[in-house]
Amino acid sequence: MPGIMGHRGAKAYEPENTLRSIRRALEMGVQAVEIDVHLSRDGHLVVIHDATVDRTTNGRGRVNDLSWEDLRRLDAGRGERLPSLDEVVALVRGRAHLFVELKDTKATAAVAFFFQECDLFTEAHVISFWHPALKELRQIEPRIRTGVLFVGCPVDAPALARAADAEALMLNYQYVTPALVQSARRAGLAIGIWNIDTVVDLEPVLSLGLDYIGSNAPDILIRYLQSINE
């Protein structure tokens, strides 16, 4: 059975990318958690999806233009604060695998040094739509495990991973096919998909042999997998 990955924690139930959301996903029994990182003006790795704080907090402005102190004062929903990457690692470590989506190419070197400092090489992946940033990350620190994000069904998906020196494919579930999964397996790649929130969408992909399935409502998927394994 694939591992269920909480997308931004348990996004369907809690403010996304907050410790509250991640804690909820862990309580549901996820095998992995996915979060997003940007870099603050003063070099802190901040867990937030968008390039601006406008949508998910009560503030305004670009993350890159705000200091960590500025960002920390914002309400990210239900009184939650924007967490730092080290706070997320402290919560998740030993309980689930961590997928860190690199949203901001300016944060590439900082993420590499963070992985070195925390020795996260076996407990986490860095994933991104910015494939050149993943290649740069591996050049800085070859021990970091990476995965290429993309939307679509390319003719040669493993070639995208090879070009970025990545070891995993992370694709939108609507484009996953048996042939794509088979080609990834032949290339020795791990494969994950995002995001499935209903049993109707889950059932067709269960026979593909995926490693991870991302979900905004991971409890729905976990309960179903438990039911068919009883």
C-alpha atoms as a PDB file:
ATOM      1  CA  MET A   1       0.000   0.000   0.000  1.00  0.00           C
ATOM      2  CA  PRO A   2       1.230   3.527  -0.706  1.00  0.00           C
ATOM      3  CA  GLY A   3       2.129   5.878   2.107  1.00  0.00           C
ATOM      4  CA  ILE A   4      -0.360   8.712   2.619  1.00  0.00           C
ATOM      5  CA  MET A   5       1.191  12.168   2.618  1.00  0.00           C
ATOM      6  CA  GLY A   6      -0.543  15.080   4.331  1.00  0.00           C
ATOM      7  CA  HIS A   7      -0.533  18.022   1.903  1.00  0.00           C
ATOM      8  CA  ARG A   8       0.463  21.148   3.842  1.00  0.00           C
ATOM      9  CA  GLY A   9      -0.444  19.077   6.880  1.00  0.00           C
ATOM     10  CA  ALA A  10      -4.180  18.414   6.955  1.00  0.00           C
ATOM     11  CA  LYS A  11      -5.168  21.324   4.735  1.00  0.00           C
ATOM     12  CA  ALA A  12      -8.836  20.368   4.462  1.00  0.00           C
ATOM     13  CA  TYR A  13      -9.283  20.791   8.217  1.00  0.00           C
ATOM     14  CA  GLU A  14      -6.681  23.218   9.559  1.00  0.00           C
ATOM     15  CA  PRO A  15      -4.822  26.354   8.416  1.00  0.00           C
ATOM     16  CA  GLU A  16      -2.343  25.093   5.848  1.00  0.00           C
ATOM     17  CA  ASN A  17       1.385  24.840   6.592  1.00  0.00           C
ATOM     18  CA  THR A  18       0.929  25.495  10.306  1.00  0.00           C
ATOM     19  CA  LEU A  19       2.081  23.341  13.192  1.00  0.00           C
ATOM     20  CA  ARG A  20      -1.575  22.791  14.039  1.00  0.00           C
ATOM     21  CA  SER A  21      -2.239  21.412  10.555  1.00  0.00           C
ATOM     22  CA  ILE A  22       0.854  19.197  10.600  1.00  0.00           C
ATOM     23  CA  ARG A  23       0.044  17.907  14.072  1.00  0.00           C
ATOM     24  CA  ARG A  24      -3.476  17.012  12.910  1.00  0.00           C
ATOM     25  CA  ALA A  25      -2.088  15.069   9.947  1.00  0.00           C
ATOM     26  CA  LEU A  26       0.290  13.155  12.205  1.00  0.00           C
ATOM     27  CA  GLU A  27      -2.571  12.296  14.545  1.00  0.00           C
ATOM     28  CA  MET A  28      -4.463  10.899  11.543  1.00  0.00           C
ATOM     29  CA  GLY A  29      -1.587   8.491  10.928  1.00  0.00           C
ATOM     30  CA  VAL A  30       0.090   9.842   7.789  1.00  0.00           C
ATOM     31  CA  GLN A  31       3.357   8.310   6.660  1.00  0.00           C
ATOM     32  CA  ALA A  32       4.606  11.619   5.249  1.00  0.00           C
ATOM     33  CA  VAL A  33       4.003  15.353   5.469  1.00  0.00           C
ATOM     34  CA  GLU A  34       4.492  17.879   2.667  1.00  0.00           C
ATOM     35  CA  ILE A  35       5.218  21.547   3.391  1.00  0.00           C
ATOM     36  CA  ASP A  36       6.464  24.579   1.419  1.00  0.00           C
ATOM     37  CA  VAL A  37       9.367  26.915   2.143  1.00  0.00           C
ATOM     38  CA  HIS A  38      10.337  30.464   1.267  1.00  0.00           C
ATOM     39  CA  LEU A  39      13.175  32.653   2.497  1.00  0.00           C
ATOM     40  CA  SER A  40      12.533  35.710   4.656  1.00  0.00           C
ATOM     41  CA  ARG A  41      14.333  39.006   4.081  1.00  0.00           C
ATOM     42  CA  ASP A  42      16.838  38.140   6.813  1.00  0.00           C
ATOM     43  CA  GLY A  43      17.500  34.577   5.688  1.00  0.00           C
ATOM     44  CA  HIS A  44      15.076  32.448   7.720  1.00  0.00           C
ATOM     45  CA  LEU A  45      13.409  29.422   6.108  1.00  0.00           C
ATOM     46  CA  VAL A  46       9.684  30.113   6.497  1.00  0.00           C
ATOM     47  CA  VAL A  47       6.978  27.500   5.987  1.00  0.00           C
ATOM     48  CA  ILE A  48       4.385  29.084   3.698  1.00  0.00           C
ATOM     49  CA  HIS A  49       3.076  28.234   0.238  1.00  0.00           C
ATOM     50  CA  ASP A  50       2.649  31.567  -1.530  1.00  0.00           C
ATOM     51  CA  ALA A  51       5.258  34.169  -2.380  1.00  0.00           C
ATOM     52  CA  THR A  52       3.111  36.651  -0.446  1.00  0.00           C
ATOM     53  CA  VAL A  53       1.443  36.432   2.944  1.00  0.00           C
ATOM     54  CA  ASP A  54      -1.833  37.928   1.686  1.00  0.00           C
ATOM     55  CA  ARG A  55      -3.887  34.749   1.174  1.00  0.00           C
ATOM     56  CA  THR A  56      -2.969  32.708   4.238  1.00  0.00           C
ATOM     57  CA  THR A  57      -2.356  35.335   6.948  1.00  0.00           C
ATOM     58  CA  ASN A  58      -3.767  38.636   8.158  1.00  0.00           C
ATOM     59  CA  GLY A  59      -0.787  40.488   6.699  1.00  0.00           C
ATOM     60  CA  ARG A  60       0.259  41.825   3.329  1.00  0.00           C
ATOM     61  CA  GLY A  61       3.482  41.748   1.372  1.00  0.00           C
ATOM     62  CA  ARG A  62       6.055  39.436  -0.125  1.00  0.00           C
ATOM     63  CA  VAL A  63       7.730  36.904   2.137  1.00  0.00           C
ATOM     64  CA  ASN A  64      11.140  37.922   0.756  1.00  0.00           C
ATOM     65  CA  ASP A  65      10.505  41.533   1.785  1.00  0.00           C
ATOM     66  CA  LEU A  66       9.549  40.744   5.388  1.00  0.00           C
ATOM     67  CA  SER A  67      11.832  39.917   8.301  1.00  0.00           C
ATOM     68  CA  TRP A  68      11.343  36.800  10.406  1.00  0.00           C
ATOM     69  CA  GLU A  69      10.139  39.043  13.224  1.00  0.00           C
ATOM     70  CA  ASP A  70       7.568  40.635  10.884  1.00  0.00           C
ATOM     71  CA  LEU A  71       6.384  37.242   9.681  1.00  0.00           C
ATOM     72  CA  ARG A  72       6.188  35.772  13.145  1.00  0.00           C
ATOM     73  CA  ARG A  73       3.702  38.435  14.248  1.00  0.00           C
ATOM     74  CA  LEU A  74       1.157  37.397  11.606  1.00  0.00           C
ATOM     75  CA  ASP A  75      -1.879  35.210  12.252  1.00  0.00           C
ATOM     76  CA  ALA A  76      -1.865  32.252   9.870  1.00  0.00           C
ATOM     77  CA  GLY A  77      -5.338  31.141  10.975  1.00  0.00           C
ATOM     78  CA  ARG A  78      -6.886  30.161  14.332  1.00  0.00           C
ATOM     79  CA  GLY A  79      -4.129  32.033  16.118  1.00  0.00           C
ATOM     80  CA  GLU A  80      -1.373  29.971  14.500  1.00  0.00           C
ATOM     81  CA  ARG A  81       1.952  31.564  13.559  1.00  0.00           C
ATOM     82  CA  LEU A  82       3.973  30.885  10.449  1.00  0.00           C
ATOM     83  CA  PRO A  83       6.412  28.169  11.486  1.00  0.00           C
ATOM     84  CA  SER A  84      10.085  27.957  10.685  1.00  0.00           C
ATOM     85  CA  LEU A  85      11.440  24.881   8.938  1.00  0.00           C
ATOM     86  CA  ASP A  86      13.294  23.787  12.057  1.00  0.00           C
ATOM     87  CA  GLU A  87      10.033  23.854  14.066  1.00  0.00           C
ATOM     88  CA  VAL A  88       8.400  21.583  11.493  1.00  0.00           C
ATOM     89  CA  VAL A  89      11.337  19.181  11.523  1.00  0.00           C
ATOM     90  CA  ALA A  90      11.199  19.004  15.319  1.00  0.00           C
ATOM     91  CA  LEU A  91       7.500  18.067  15.117  1.00  0.00           C
ATOM     92  CA  VAL A  92       7.705  15.550  12.259  1.00  0.00           C
ATOM     93  CA  ARG A  93      11.045  13.891  12.874  1.00  0.00           C
ATOM     94  CA  GLY A  94      10.729  10.268  13.907  1.00  0.00           C
ATOM     95  CA  ARG A  95       7.014  10.238  13.129  1.00  0.00           C
ATOM     96  CA  ALA A  96       6.770  10.674   9.340  1.00  0.00           C
ATOM     97  CA  HIS A  97       8.835  11.364   6.242  1.00  0.00           C
ATOM     98  CA  LEU A  98       9.079  15.025   5.288  1.00  0.00           C
ATOM     99  CA  PHE A  99       8.709  16.468   1.794  1.00  0.00           C
ATOM    100  CA  VAL A 100       9.994  20.045   1.643  1.00  0.00           C
ATOM    101  CA  GLU A 101       8.778  21.847  -1.455  1.00  0.00           C
ATOM    102  CA  LEU A 102      11.258  24.502  -2.503  1.00  0.00           C
ATOM    103  CA  LYS A 103       9.050  27.370  -3.707  1.00  0.00           C
ATOM    104  CA  ASP A 104      11.719  30.066  -3.783  1.00  0.00           C
ATOM    105  CA  THR A 105      14.942  29.547  -5.744  1.00  0.00           C
ATOM    106  CA  LYS A 106      16.624  32.137  -3.503  1.00  0.00           C
ATOM    107  CA  ALA A 107      16.298  29.588  -0.696  1.00  0.00           C
ATOM    108  CA  THR A 108      18.247  26.818  -2.462  1.00  0.00           C
ATOM    109  CA  ALA A 109      21.555  27.255  -0.647  1.00  0.00           C
ATOM    110  CA  ALA A 110      19.830  27.851   2.700  1.00  0.00           C
ATOM    111  CA  VAL A 111      17.880  24.591   2.326  1.00  0.00           C
ATOM    112  CA  ALA A 112      21.067  22.696   1.466  1.00  0.00           C
ATOM    113  CA  PHE A 113      22.867  24.032   4.525  1.00  0.00           C
ATOM    114  CA  PHE A 114      19.819  23.318   6.699  1.00  0.00           C
ATOM    115  CA  PHE A 115      19.820  19.665   5.620  1.00  0.00           C
ATOM    116  CA  GLN A 116      23.521  19.438   6.412  1.00  0.00           C
ATOM    117  CA  GLU A 117      23.087  21.009   9.831  1.00  0.00           C
ATOM    118  CA  CYS A 118      20.122  18.776  10.744  1.00  0.00           C
ATOM    119  CA  ASP A 119      21.375  15.610   8.999  1.00  0.00           C
ATOM    120  CA  LEU A 120      18.041  15.110   7.225  1.00  0.00           C
ATOM    121  CA  PHE A 121      19.387  13.031   4.379  1.00  0.00           C
ATOM    122  CA  THR A 122      17.390   9.866   5.090  1.00  0.00           C
ATOM    123  CA  GLU A 123      14.283  11.446   6.628  1.00  0.00           C
ATOM    124  CA  ALA A 124      13.270  13.979   3.997  1.00  0.00           C
ATOM    125  CA  HIS A 125      13.128  14.898   0.324  1.00  0.00           C
ATOM    126  CA  VAL A 126      13.321  18.301  -1.283  1.00  0.00           C
ATOM    127  CA  ILE A 127      10.852  18.593  -4.158  1.00  0.00           C
ATOM    128  CA  SER A 128      10.249  21.440  -6.576  1.00  0.00           C
ATOM    129  CA  PHE A 129       8.832  22.584  -9.879  1.00  0.00           C
ATOM    130  CA  TRP A 130      12.133  24.475 -10.229  1.00  0.00           C
ATOM    131  CA  HIS A 131      14.212  21.597 -11.584  1.00  0.00           C
ATOM    132  CA  PRO A 132      17.420  23.652 -12.030  1.00  0.00           C
ATOM    133  CA  ALA A 133      17.233  24.521  -8.328  1.00  0.00           C
ATOM    134  CA  LEU A 134      17.086  20.811  -7.469  1.00  0.00           C
ATOM    135  CA  LYS A 135      20.167  20.181  -9.574  1.00  0.00           C
ATOM    136  CA  GLU A 136      21.954  23.054  -7.838  1.00  0.00           C
ATOM    137  CA  LEU A 137      20.914  21.628  -4.481  1.00  0.00           C
ATOM    138  CA  ARG A 138      22.461  18.271  -5.332  1.00  0.00           C
ATOM    139  CA  GLN A 139      25.646  19.982  -6.492  1.00  0.00           C
ATOM    140  CA  ILE A 140      25.936  21.699  -3.112  1.00  0.00           C
ATOM    141  CA  GLU A 141      25.060  18.545  -1.163  1.00  0.00           C
ATOM    142  CA  PRO A 142      24.804  15.241  -3.093  1.00  0.00           C
ATOM    143  CA  ARG A 143      23.322  13.407  -0.100  1.00  0.00           C
ATOM    144  CA  ILE A 144      20.048  15.347  -0.300  1.00  0.00           C
ATOM    145  CA  ARG A 145      17.223  13.285  -1.780  1.00  0.00           C
ATOM    146  CA  THR A 146      15.180  15.216  -4.336  1.00  0.00           C
ATOM    147  CA  GLY A 147      12.066  14.843  -6.469  1.00  0.00           C
ATOM    148  CA  VAL A 148      10.860  16.701  -9.534  1.00  0.00           C
ATOM    149  CA  LEU A 149       7.340  18.101  -9.448  1.00  0.00           C
ATOM    150  CA  PHE A 150       5.436  18.523 -12.689  1.00  0.00           C
ATOM    151  CA  VAL A 151       1.954  18.625 -14.173  1.00  0.00           C
ATOM    152  CA  GLY A 152       1.429  16.523 -17.268  1.00  0.00           C
ATOM    153  CA  CYS A 153       2.417  13.178 -18.757  1.00  0.00           C
ATOM    154  CA  PRO A 154       5.775  13.570 -20.531  1.00  0.00           C
ATOM    155  CA  VAL A 155       7.033  11.103 -23.105  1.00  0.00           C
ATOM    156  CA  ASP A 156      10.098  10.361 -20.962  1.00  0.00           C
ATOM    157  CA  ALA A 157       9.419  11.213 -17.336  1.00  0.00           C
ATOM    158  CA  PRO A 158      12.628   9.570 -16.027  1.00  0.00           C
ATOM    159  CA  ALA A 159      14.613  11.900 -18.284  1.00  0.00           C
ATOM    160  CA  LEU A 160      13.219  14.864 -16.324  1.00  0.00           C
ATOM    161  CA  ALA A 161      14.503  13.304 -13.128  1.00  0.00           C
ATOM    162  CA  ARG A 162      17.905  12.470 -14.629  1.00  0.00           C
ATOM    163  CA  ALA A 163      18.320  16.023 -15.944  1.00  0.00           C
ATOM    164  CA  ALA A 164      17.758  17.357 -12.409  1.00  0.00           C
ATOM    165  CA  ASP A 165      19.831  14.581 -10.778  1.00  0.00           C
ATOM    166  CA  ALA A 166      16.695  13.650  -8.818  1.00  0.00           C
ATOM    167  CA  GLU A 167      15.597  10.279  -7.502  1.00  0.00           C
ATOM    168  CA  ALA A 168      11.829  10.747  -7.380  1.00  0.00           C
ATOM    169  CA  LEU A 169       8.926  11.861  -9.548  1.00  0.00           C
ATOM    170  CA  MET A 170       6.060  13.795  -7.981  1.00  0.00           C
ATOM    171  CA  LEU A 171       3.169  14.337 -10.370  1.00  0.00           C
ATOM    172  CA  ASN A 172      -0.446  15.394 -10.463  1.00  0.00           C
ATOM    173  CA  TYR A 173      -2.633  12.320 -10.017  1.00  0.00           C
ATOM    174  CA  GLN A 174      -4.685  13.077 -13.137  1.00  0.00           C
ATOM    175  CA  TYR A 175      -1.658  12.362 -15.335  1.00  0.00           C
ATOM    176  CA  VAL A 176      -0.362   9.163 -13.769  1.00  0.00           C
ATOM    177  CA  THR A 177      -0.463   6.125 -16.065  1.00  0.00           C
ATOM    178  CA  PRO A 178       0.733   2.523 -15.705  1.00  0.00           C
ATOM    179  CA  ALA A 179       3.307   3.121 -18.447  1.00  0.00           C
ATOM    180  CA  LEU A 180       4.702   6.169 -16.661  1.00  0.00           C
ATOM    181  CA  VAL A 181       4.995   4.283 -13.376  1.00  0.00           C
ATOM    182  CA  GLN A 182       6.652   1.327 -15.089  1.00  0.00           C
ATOM    183  CA  SER A 183       9.211   3.566 -16.780  1.00  0.00           C
ATOM    184  CA  ALA A 184       9.955   5.232 -13.433  1.00  0.00           C
ATOM    185  CA  ARG A 185      10.461   1.864 -11.756  1.00  0.00           C
ATOM    186  CA  ARG A 186      12.811   0.696 -14.510  1.00  0.00           C
ATOM    187  CA  ALA A 187      14.839   3.844 -13.885  1.00  0.00           C
ATOM    188  CA  GLY A 188      14.945   3.141 -10.138  1.00  0.00           C
ATOM    189  CA  LEU A 189      12.852   6.186  -9.247  1.00  0.00           C
ATOM    190  CA  ALA A 190      10.416   6.623  -6.387  1.00  0.00           C
ATOM    191  CA  ILE A 191       7.043   8.020  -7.404  1.00  0.00           C
ATOM    192  CA  GLY A 192       4.407  10.037  -5.606  1.00  0.00           C
ATOM    193  CA  ILE A 193       1.221  11.769  -6.719  1.00  0.00           C
ATOM    194  CA  TRP A 194      -0.884  14.697  -5.483  1.00  0.00           C
ATOM    195  CA  ASN A 195      -3.594  15.356  -4.399  1.00  0.00           C
ATOM    196  CA  ILE A 196      -6.376  12.821  -3.921  1.00  0.00           C
ATOM    197  CA  ASP A 197      -9.127  13.563  -1.401  1.00  0.00           C
ATOM    198  CA  THR A 198     -11.821  10.994  -2.237  1.00  0.00           C
ATOM    199  CA  VAL A 199     -12.076   7.218  -2.367  1.00  0.00           C
ATOM    200  CA  VAL A 200     -13.476   7.482  -5.897  1.00  0.00           C
ATOM    201  CA  ASP A 201     -10.199   9.017  -7.097  1.00  0.00           C
ATOM    202  CA  LEU A 202      -8.073   6.750  -4.917  1.00  0.00           C
ATOM    203  CA  GLU A 203      -9.326   3.371  -6.106  1.00  0.00           C
ATOM    204  CA  PRO A 204      -8.042   3.578  -9.729  1.00  0.00           C
ATOM    205  CA  VAL A 205      -4.453   4.315  -8.671  1.00  0.00           C
ATOM    206  CA  LEU A 206      -4.058   1.730  -5.906  1.00  0.00           C
ATOM    207  CA  SER A 207      -2.882  -0.983  -8.285  1.00  0.00           C
ATOM    208  CA  LEU A 208      -0.069   1.177  -9.688  1.00  0.00           C
ATOM    209  CA  GLY A 209       2.404   0.527  -6.881  1.00  0.00           C
ATOM    210  CA  LEU A 210       2.975   4.147  -5.901  1.00  0.00           C
ATOM    211  CA  ASP A 211       5.201   5.155  -3.003  1.00  0.00           C
ATOM    212  CA  TYR A 212       3.189   8.149  -1.758  1.00  0.00           C
ATOM    213  CA  ILE A 213      -0.208   9.694  -2.342  1.00  0.00           C
ATOM    214  CA  GLY A 214      -0.697  13.285  -1.210  1.00  0.00           C
ATOM    215  CA  SER A 215      -4.008  14.386   0.250  1.00  0.00           C
ATOM    216  CA  ASN A 216      -5.616  17.445   1.796  1.00  0.00           C
ATOM    217  CA  ALA A 217      -7.896  15.062   3.731  1.00  0.00           C
ATOM    218  CA  PRO A 218      -5.568  12.181   4.590  1.00  0.00           C
ATOM    219  CA  ASP A 219      -7.928  10.629   7.119  1.00  0.00           C
ATOM    220  CA  ILE A 220     -10.364   9.677   4.336  1.00  0.00           C
ATOM    221  CA  LEU A 221      -7.663   7.763   2.463  1.00  0.00           C
ATOM    222  CA  ILE A 222      -6.177   6.201   5.587  1.00  0.00           C
ATOM    223  CA  ARG A 223      -9.542   4.889   6.788  1.00  0.00           C
ATOM    224  CA  TYR A 224     -10.245   3.367   3.379  1.00  0.00           C
ATOM    225  CA  LEU A 225      -6.855   1.652   3.173  1.00  0.00           C
ATOM    226  CA  GLN A 226      -7.334   0.280   6.678  1.00  0.00           C
ATOM    227  CA  SER A 227     -10.762  -1.050   5.734  1.00  0.00           C
ATOM    228  CA  ILE A 228      -9.523  -2.979   2.714  1.00  0.00           C
ATOM    229  CA  ASN A 229      -6.594  -4.422   4.672  1.00  0.00           C
ATOM    230  CA  GLU A 230      -8.741  -5.803   7.509  1.00  0.00           C
END
